[in-house]
Each structure stands twice: as C-alpha cells, then as structure tokens.
Amino acid sequence: MCKAVEEFAERRAAEAKAEGKAEGERKGERKGERKTMLATAKRMLESGMLALKDIAKFSGLSLAQVKKLQASMA
C-alpha cells in the first residue's frame, strides 16, 4: 500500500511541475506579446500619421492604453 501511495505522490508531483511550467510559459508569451504591442503602438505614435483609435485597432491595445502610452511619451 505504501508503495502505491508513493508512486501516486511522485506522479502527481510530476504533473504539478509540468502544469506550473506550462503556465509560466504562457505568462512569458503574454508578456512578450504585450511588449510587442506596446512597441508597435509607440512607433505609430512617433510617426504622428495615425489617429489614436487606429493605433489601438492595429496594435491590439485598448484606446485607454494608447492614450496612457502617449502621455508617458510626452
């Protein structure tokens, strides 16, 4: 009985570790995507050629986020 419990605990620990690793990778991807979106919006703002709503649309950011980025650049 003890052997079965130990094996279950080891298997569950390995599963939990794999789940944690996968979640960390997803968070890293989202962080990378956000950095890319912000960099894109910043370049668009610097060009001065697009309306804020268009920058939001093309960058994937919200209008509020674009306005906040614009304010931080001033």
PDB file of N, CA and C in Angstrom:
ATOM      1  N   MET A   1       0.825  -1.192   0.000  1.00  0.00           N
ATOM      2  CA  MET A   1       0.000   0.000   0.000  1.00  0.00           C
ATOM      3  C   MET A   1       0.864   1.249   0.000  1.00  0.00           C
ATOM      4  N   CYS A   2       1.919   1.288   0.789  1.00  0.00           N
ATOM      5  CA  CYS A   2       2.802   2.449   0.857  1.00  0.00           C
ATOM      6  C   CYS A   2       3.443   2.740  -0.492  1.00  0.00           C
ATOM      7  N   LYS A   3       3.839   1.696  -1.177  1.00  0.00           N
ATOM      8  CA  LYS A   3       4.478   1.847  -2.486  1.00  0.00           C
ATOM      9  C   LYS A   3       3.518   2.522  -3.468  1.00  0.00           C
ATOM     10  N   ALA A   4       2.260   2.133  -3.443  1.00  0.00           N
ATOM     11  CA  ALA A   4       1.261   2.721  -4.338  1.00  0.00           C
ATOM     12  C   ALA A   4       1.060   4.199  -4.016  1.00  0.00           C
ATOM     13  N   VAL A   5       1.035   4.543  -2.749  1.00  0.00           N
ATOM     14  CA  VAL A   5       0.863   5.933  -2.329  1.00  0.00           C
ATOM     15  C   VAL A   5       2.068   6.762  -2.769  1.00  0.00           C
ATOM     16  N   GLU A   6       3.251   6.218  -2.588  1.00  0.00           N
ATOM     17  CA  GLU A   6       4.470   6.924  -3.007  1.00  0.00           C
ATOM     18  C   GLU A   6       4.473   7.166  -4.523  1.00  0.00           C
ATOM     19  N   GLU A   7       4.095   6.136  -5.273  1.00  0.00           N
ATOM     20  CA  GLU A   7       4.061   6.278  -6.729  1.00  0.00           C
ATOM     21  C   GLU A   7       3.041   7.330  -7.156  1.00  0.00           C
ATOM     22  N   PHE A   8       1.884   7.320  -6.505  1.00  0.00           N
ATOM     23  CA  PHE A   8       0.864   8.324  -6.816  1.00  0.00           C
ATOM     24  C   PHE A   8       1.381   9.724  -6.512  1.00  0.00           C
ATOM     25  N   ALA A   9       2.014   9.885  -5.350  1.00  0.00           N
ATOM     26  CA  ALA A   9       2.538  11.194  -4.956  1.00  0.00           C
ATOM     27  C   ALA A   9       3.606  11.674  -5.943  1.00  0.00           C
ATOM     28  N   GLU A  10       4.482  10.794  -6.359  1.00  0.00           N
ATOM     29  CA  GLU A  10       5.521  11.154  -7.329  1.00  0.00           C
ATOM     30  C   GLU A  10       4.907  11.550  -8.674  1.00  0.00           C
ATOM     31  N   ARG A  11       3.910  10.762  -9.103  1.00  0.00           N
ATOM     32  CA  ARG A  11       3.246  11.047 -10.381  1.00  0.00           C
ATOM     33  C   ARG A  11       2.521  12.392 -10.311  1.00  0.00           C
ATOM     34  N   ARG A  12       1.843  12.651  -9.212  1.00  0.00           N
ATOM     35  CA  ARG A  12       1.111  13.926  -9.044  1.00  0.00           C
ATOM     36  C   ARG A  12       2.083  15.102  -8.976  1.00  0.00           C
ATOM     37  N   ALA A  13       3.213  14.916  -8.317  1.00  0.00           N
ATOM     38  CA  ALA A  13       4.216  15.975  -8.242  1.00  0.00           C
ATOM     39  C   ALA A  13       4.766  16.297  -9.626  1.00  0.00           C
ATOM     40  N   ALA A  14       5.004  15.278 -10.431  1.00  0.00           N
ATOM     41  CA  ALA A  14       5.496  15.490 -11.793  1.00  0.00           C
ATOM     42  C   ALA A  14       4.450  16.224 -12.639  1.00  0.00           C
ATOM     43  N   GLU A  15       3.182  15.852 -12.473  1.00  0.00           N
ATOM     44  CA  GLU A  15       2.106  16.527 -13.202  1.00  0.00           C
ATOM     45  C   GLU A  15       2.006  17.990 -12.792  1.00  0.00           C
ATOM     46  N   ALA A  16       2.093  18.254 -11.494  1.00  0.00           N
ATOM     47  CA  ALA A  16       2.010  19.623 -10.996  1.00  0.00           C
ATOM     48  C   ALA A  16       3.176  20.460 -11.521  1.00  0.00           C
ATOM     49  N   LYS A  17       4.344  19.861 -11.565  1.00  0.00           N
ATOM     50  CA  LYS A  17       5.518  20.563 -12.083  1.00  0.00           C
ATOM     51  C   LYS A  17       5.321  20.902 -13.557  1.00  0.00           C
ATOM     52  N   ALA A  18       4.799  19.959 -14.331  1.00  0.00           N
ATOM     53  CA  ALA A  18       4.553  20.195 -15.756  1.00  0.00           C
ATOM     54  C   ALA A  18       3.497  21.280 -15.948  1.00  0.00           C
ATOM     55  N   GLU A  19       2.450  21.262 -15.123  1.00  0.00           N
ATOM     56  CA  GLU A  19       1.411  22.287 -15.203  1.00  0.00           C
ATOM     57  C   GLU A  19       1.989  23.662 -14.868  1.00  0.00           C
ATOM     58  N   GLY A  20       2.819  23.733 -13.862  1.00  0.00           N
ATOM     59  CA  GLY A  20       3.448  25.002 -13.483  1.00  0.00           C
ATOM     60  C   GLY A  20       4.352  25.532 -14.581  1.00  0.00           C
ATOM     61  N   LYS A  21       5.098  24.650 -15.195  1.00  0.00           N
ATOM     62  CA  LYS A  21       5.983  25.048 -16.286  1.00  0.00           C
ATOM     63  C   LYS A  21       5.167  25.587 -17.466  1.00  0.00           C
ATOM     64  N   ALA A  22       4.090  24.908 -17.808  1.00  0.00           N
ATOM     65  CA  ALA A  22       3.241  25.342 -18.919  1.00  0.00           C
ATOM     66  C   ALA A  22       2.637  26.714 -18.629  1.00  0.00           C
ATOM     67  N   GLU A  23       2.190  26.927 -17.394  1.00  0.00           N
ATOM     68  CA  GLU A  23       1.617  28.233 -17.026  1.00  0.00           C
ATOM     69  C   GLU A  23       2.677  29.325 -17.111  1.00  0.00           C
ATOM     70  N   GLY A  24       3.879  29.033 -16.670  1.00  0.00           N
ATOM     71  CA  GLY A  24       4.968  30.004 -16.772  1.00  0.00           C
ATOM     72  C   GLY A  24       5.280  30.363 -18.220  1.00  0.00           C
ATOM     73  N   GLU A  25       5.251  29.367 -19.079  1.00  0.00           N
ATOM     74  CA  GLU A  25       5.493  29.630 -20.499  1.00  0.00           C
ATOM     75  C   GLU A  25       4.393  30.497 -21.084  1.00  0.00           C
ATOM     76  N   ARG A  26       3.130  30.237 -20.701  1.00  0.00           N
ATOM     77  CA  ARG A  26       2.022  31.058 -21.201  1.00  0.00           C
ATOM     78  C   ARG A  26       2.156  32.495 -20.730  1.00  0.00           C
ATOM     79  N   LYS A  27       2.540  32.687 -19.469  1.00  0.00           N
ATOM     80  CA  LYS A  27       2.717  34.051 -18.949  1.00  0.00           C
ATOM     81  C   LYS A  27       3.849  34.750 -19.679  1.00  0.00           C
ATOM     82  N   GLY A  28       4.911  34.047 -19.961  1.00  0.00           N
ATOM     83  CA  GLY A  28       6.034  34.625 -20.692  1.00  0.00           C
ATOM     84  C   GLY A  28       5.642  35.030 -22.095  1.00  0.00           C
ATOM     85  N   GLU A  29       4.835  34.207 -22.746  1.00  0.00           N
ATOM     86  CA  GLU A  29       4.373  34.535 -24.090  1.00  0.00           C
ATOM     87  C   GLU A  29       3.500  35.777 -24.069  1.00  0.00           C
ATOM     88  N   ARG A  30       2.595  35.861 -23.080  1.00  0.00           N
ATOM     89  CA  ARG A  30       1.715  37.035 -22.984  1.00  0.00           C
ATOM     90  C   ARG A  30       2.537  38.292 -22.716  1.00  0.00           C
ATOM     91  N   LYS A  31       3.555  38.169 -21.895  1.00  0.00           N
ATOM     92  CA  LYS A  31       4.398  39.323 -21.593  1.00  0.00           C
ATOM     93  C   LYS A  31       5.130  39.773 -22.853  1.00  0.00           C
ATOM     94  N   GLY A  32       5.622  38.816 -23.628  1.00  0.00           N
ATOM     95  CA  GLY A  32       6.304  39.140 -24.876  1.00  0.00           C
ATOM     96  C   GLY A  32       5.366  39.783 -25.881  1.00  0.00           C
ATOM     97  N   GLU A  33       4.136  39.269 -25.952  1.00  0.00           N
ATOM     98  CA  GLU A  33       3.149  39.844 -26.856  1.00  0.00           C
ATOM     99  C   GLU A  33       2.833  41.282 -26.460  1.00  0.00           C
ATOM    100  N   ARG A  34       2.680  41.518 -25.179  1.00  0.00           N
ATOM    101  CA  ARG A  34       2.360  42.876 -24.698  1.00  0.00           C
ATOM    102  C   ARG A  34       3.496  43.837 -25.025  1.00  0.00           C
ATOM    103  N   LYS A  35       4.731  43.398 -24.836  1.00  0.00           N
ATOM    104  CA  LYS A  35       5.870  44.259 -25.155  1.00  0.00           C
ATOM    105  C   LYS A  35       5.869  44.610 -26.640  1.00  0.00           C
ATOM    106  N   THR A  36       5.543  43.638 -27.477  1.00  0.00           N
ATOM    107  CA  THR A  36       5.490  43.872 -28.918  1.00  0.00           C
ATOM    108  C   THR A  36       4.374  44.845 -29.257  1.00  0.00           C
ATOM    109  N   MET A  37       3.222  44.678 -28.625  1.00  0.00           N
ATOM    110  CA  MET A  37       2.092  45.568 -28.882  1.00  0.00           C
ATOM    111  C   MET A  37       2.435  47.000 -28.482  1.00  0.00           C
ATOM    112  N   LEU A  38       3.084  47.156 -27.338  1.00  0.00           N
ATOM    113  CA  LEU A  38       3.464  48.490 -26.881  1.00  0.00           C
ATOM    114  C   LEU A  38       4.502  49.122 -27.805  1.00  0.00           C
ATOM    115  N   ALA A  39       5.465  48.339 -28.246  1.00  0.00           N
ATOM    116  CA  ALA A  39       6.492  48.859 -29.147  1.00  0.00           C
ATOM    117  C   ALA A  39       5.881  49.288 -30.476  1.00  0.00           C
ATOM    118  N   THR A  40       4.936  48.502 -30.965  1.00  0.00           N
ATOM    119  CA  THR A  40       4.261  48.837 -32.213  1.00  0.00           C
ATOM    120  C   THR A  40       3.490  50.142 -32.065  1.00  0.00           C
ATOM    121  N   ALA A  41       2.731  50.249 -30.990  1.00  0.00           N
ATOM    122  CA  ALA A  41       1.946  51.465 -30.754  1.00  0.00           C
ATOM    123  C   ALA A  41       2.862  52.676 -30.595  1.00  0.00           C
ATOM    124  N   LYS A  42       3.979  52.494 -29.932  1.00  0.00           N
ATOM    125  CA  LYS A  42       4.909  53.605 -29.732  1.00  0.00           C
ATOM    126  C   LYS A  42       5.444  54.102 -31.074  1.00  0.00           C
ATOM    127  N   ARG A  43       5.798  53.191 -31.950  1.00  0.00           N
ATOM    128  CA  ARG A  43       6.282  53.600 -33.278  1.00  0.00           C
ATOM    129  C   ARG A  43       5.188  54.333 -34.056  1.00  0.00           C
ATOM    130  N   MET A  44       3.967  53.861 -33.936  1.00  0.00           N
ATOM    131  CA  MET A  44       2.854  54.523 -34.609  1.00  0.00           C
ATOM    132  C   MET A  44       2.636  55.931 -34.059  1.00  0.00           C
ATOM    133  N   LEU A  45       2.708  56.061 -32.744  1.00  0.00           N
ATOM    134  CA  LEU A  45       2.559  57.381 -32.129  1.00  0.00           C
ATOM    135  C   LEU A  45       3.678  58.316 -32.580  1.00  0.00           C
ATOM    136  N   GLU A  46       4.886  57.808 -32.620  1.00  0.00           N
ATOM    137  CA  GLU A  46       6.026  58.621 -33.037  1.00  0.00           C
ATOM    138  C   GLU A  46       5.888  59.101 -34.478  1.00  0.00           C
ATOM    139  N   SER A  47       5.234  58.294 -35.319  1.00  0.00           N
ATOM    140  CA  SER A  47       5.072  58.693 -36.722  1.00  0.00           C
ATOM    141  C   SER A  47       4.103  59.857 -36.849  1.00  0.00           C
ATOM    142  N   GLY A  48       3.143  59.939 -35.921  1.00  0.00           N
ATOM    143  CA  GLY A  48       2.170  61.021 -35.964  1.00  0.00           C
ATOM    144  C   GLY A  48       1.204  60.924 -37.141  1.00  0.00           C
ATOM    145  N   MET A  49       1.150  59.800 -37.796  1.00  0.00           N
ATOM    146  CA  MET A  49       0.357  59.671 -39.013  1.00  0.00           C
ATOM    147  C   MET A  49      -1.019  59.036 -38.779  1.00  0.00           C
ATOM    148  N   LEU A  50      -1.246  58.488 -37.602  1.00  0.00           N
ATOM    149  CA  LEU A  50      -2.494  57.761 -37.367  1.00  0.00           C
ATOM    150  C   LEU A  50      -3.259  58.348 -36.188  1.00  0.00           C
ATOM    151  N   ALA A  51      -4.575  58.220 -36.250  1.00  0.00           N
ATOM    152  CA  ALA A  51      -5.418  58.600 -35.122  1.00  0.00           C
ATOM    153  C   ALA A  51      -5.245  57.571 -34.007  1.00  0.00           C
ATOM    154  N   LEU A  52      -5.472  57.999 -32.783  1.00  0.00           N
ATOM    155  CA  LEU A  52      -5.307  57.110 -31.637  1.00  0.00           C
ATOM    156  C   LEU A  52      -6.183  55.867 -31.752  1.00  0.00           C
ATOM    157  N   LYS A  53      -7.407  56.026 -32.240  1.00  0.00           N
ATOM    158  CA  LYS A  53      -8.290  54.857 -32.364  1.00  0.00           C
ATOM    159  C   LYS A  53      -7.730  53.862 -33.374  1.00  0.00           C
ATOM    160  N   ASP A  54      -7.064  54.353 -34.415  1.00  0.00           N
ATOM    161  CA  ASP A  54      -6.458  53.449 -35.393  1.00  0.00           C
ATOM    162  C   ASP A  54      -5.241  52.735 -34.808  1.00  0.00           C
ATOM    163  N   ILE A  55      -4.478  53.448 -34.022  1.00  0.00           N
ATOM    164  CA  ILE A  55      -3.320  52.835 -33.358  1.00  0.00           C
ATOM    165  C   ILE A  55      -3.798  51.716 -32.436  1.00  0.00           C
ATOM    166  N   ALA A  56      -4.865  51.984 -31.701  1.00  0.00           N
ATOM    167  CA  ALA A  56      -5.422  50.958 -30.819  1.00  0.00           C
ATOM    168  C   ALA A  56      -5.863  49.747 -31.632  1.00  0.00           C
ATOM    169  N   LYS A  57      -6.534  50.002 -32.719  1.00  0.00           N
ATOM    170  CA  LYS A  57      -7.050  48.926 -33.563  1.00  0.00           C
ATOM    171  C   LYS A  57      -5.909  48.066 -34.122  1.00  0.00           C
ATOM    172  N   PHE A  58      -4.888  48.699 -34.652  1.00  0.00           N
ATOM    173  CA  PHE A  58      -3.808  47.971 -35.310  1.00  0.00           C
ATOM    174  C   PHE A  58      -2.820  47.334 -34.331  1.00  0.00           C
ATOM    175  N   SER A  59      -2.640  47.952 -33.172  1.00  0.00           N
ATOM    176  CA  SER A  59      -1.673  47.416 -32.216  1.00  0.00           C
ATOM    177  C   SER A  59      -2.258  46.330 -31.321  1.00  0.00           C
ATOM    178  N   GLY A  60      -3.575  46.310 -31.179  1.00  0.00           N
ATOM    179  CA  GLY A  60      -4.208  45.356 -30.283  1.00  0.00           C
ATOM    180  C   GLY A  60      -4.375  45.876 -28.871  1.00  0.00           C
ATOM    181  N   LEU A  61      -3.967  47.104 -28.637  1.00  0.00           N
ATOM    182  CA  LEU A  61      -4.146  47.729 -27.331  1.00  0.00           C
ATOM    183  C   LEU A  61      -5.503  48.416 -27.279  1.00  0.00           C
ATOM    184  N   SER A  62      -5.962  48.717 -26.073  1.00  0.00           N
ATOM    185  CA  SER A  62      -7.196  49.486 -25.935  1.00  0.00           C
ATOM    186  C   SER A  62      -6.868  50.961 -26.178  1.00  0.00           C
ATOM    187  N   LEU A  63      -7.900  51.744 -26.461  1.00  0.00           N
ATOM    188  CA  LEU A  63      -7.706  53.173 -26.659  1.00  0.00           C
ATOM    189  C   LEU A  63      -7.122  53.809 -25.400  1.00  0.00           C
ATOM    190  N   ALA A  64      -7.596  53.369 -24.249  1.00  0.00           N
ATOM    191  CA  ALA A  64      -7.078  53.898 -22.974  1.00  0.00           C
ATOM    192  C   ALA A  64      -5.578  53.594 -22.832  1.00  0.00           C
ATOM    193  N   GLN A  65      -5.158  52.404 -23.229  1.00  0.00           N
ATOM    194  CA  GLN A  65      -3.743  52.048 -23.135  1.00  0.00           C
ATOM    195  C   GLN A  65      -2.903  52.902 -24.092  1.00  0.00           C
ATOM    196  N   VAL A  66      -3.439  53.173 -25.269  1.00  0.00           N
ATOM    197  CA  VAL A  66      -2.724  54.000 -26.235  1.00  0.00           C
ATOM    198  C   VAL A  66      -2.589  55.419 -25.688  1.00  0.00           C
ATOM    199  N   LYS A  67      -3.666  55.944 -25.104  1.00  0.00           N
ATOM    200  CA  LYS A  67      -3.614  57.286 -24.540  1.00  0.00           C
ATOM    201  C   LYS A  67      -2.611  57.353 -23.382  1.00  0.00           C
ATOM    202  N   LYS A  68      -2.583  56.318 -22.565  1.00  0.00           N
ATOM    203  CA  LYS A  68      -1.619  56.261 -21.455  1.00  0.00           C
ATOM    204  C   LYS A  68      -0.192  56.223 -21.995  1.00  0.00           C
ATOM    205  N   LEU A  69       0.042  55.438 -23.028  1.00  0.00           N
ATOM    206  CA  LEU A  69       1.363  55.374 -23.648  1.00  0.00           C
ATOM    207  C   LEU A  69       1.759  56.728 -24.223  1.00  0.00           C
ATOM    208  N   GLN A  70       0.807  57.378 -24.876  1.00  0.00           N
ATOM    209  CA  GLN A  70       1.074  58.698 -25.460  1.00  0.00           C
ATOM    210  C   GLN A  70       1.455  59.693 -24.355  1.00  0.00           C
ATOM    211  N   ALA A  71       0.744  59.665 -23.260  1.00  0.00           N
ATOM    212  CA  ALA A  71       1.024  60.574 -22.135  1.00  0.00           C
ATOM    213  C   ALA A  71       2.410  60.299 -21.549  1.00  0.00           C
ATOM    214  N   SER A  72       2.789  59.029 -21.507  1.00  0.00           N
ATOM    215  CA  SER A  72       4.093  58.689 -20.933  1.00  0.00           C
ATOM    216  C   SER A  72       5.245  59.106 -21.850  1.00  0.00           C
ATOM    217  N   MET A  73       4.936  59.286 -23.131  1.00  0.00           N
ATOM    218  CA  MET A  73       5.967  59.689 -24.083  1.00  0.00           C
ATOM    219  C   MET A  73       6.190  61.207 -24.104  1.00  0.00           C
ATOM    220  N   ALA A  74       5.232  61.940 -23.551  1.00  0.00           N
ATOM    221  CA  ALA A  74       5.321  63.412 -23.593  1.00  0.00           C
ATOM    222  C   ALA A  74       6.295  63.965 -22.601  1.00  0.00           C
TER     223      ALA A  74
END
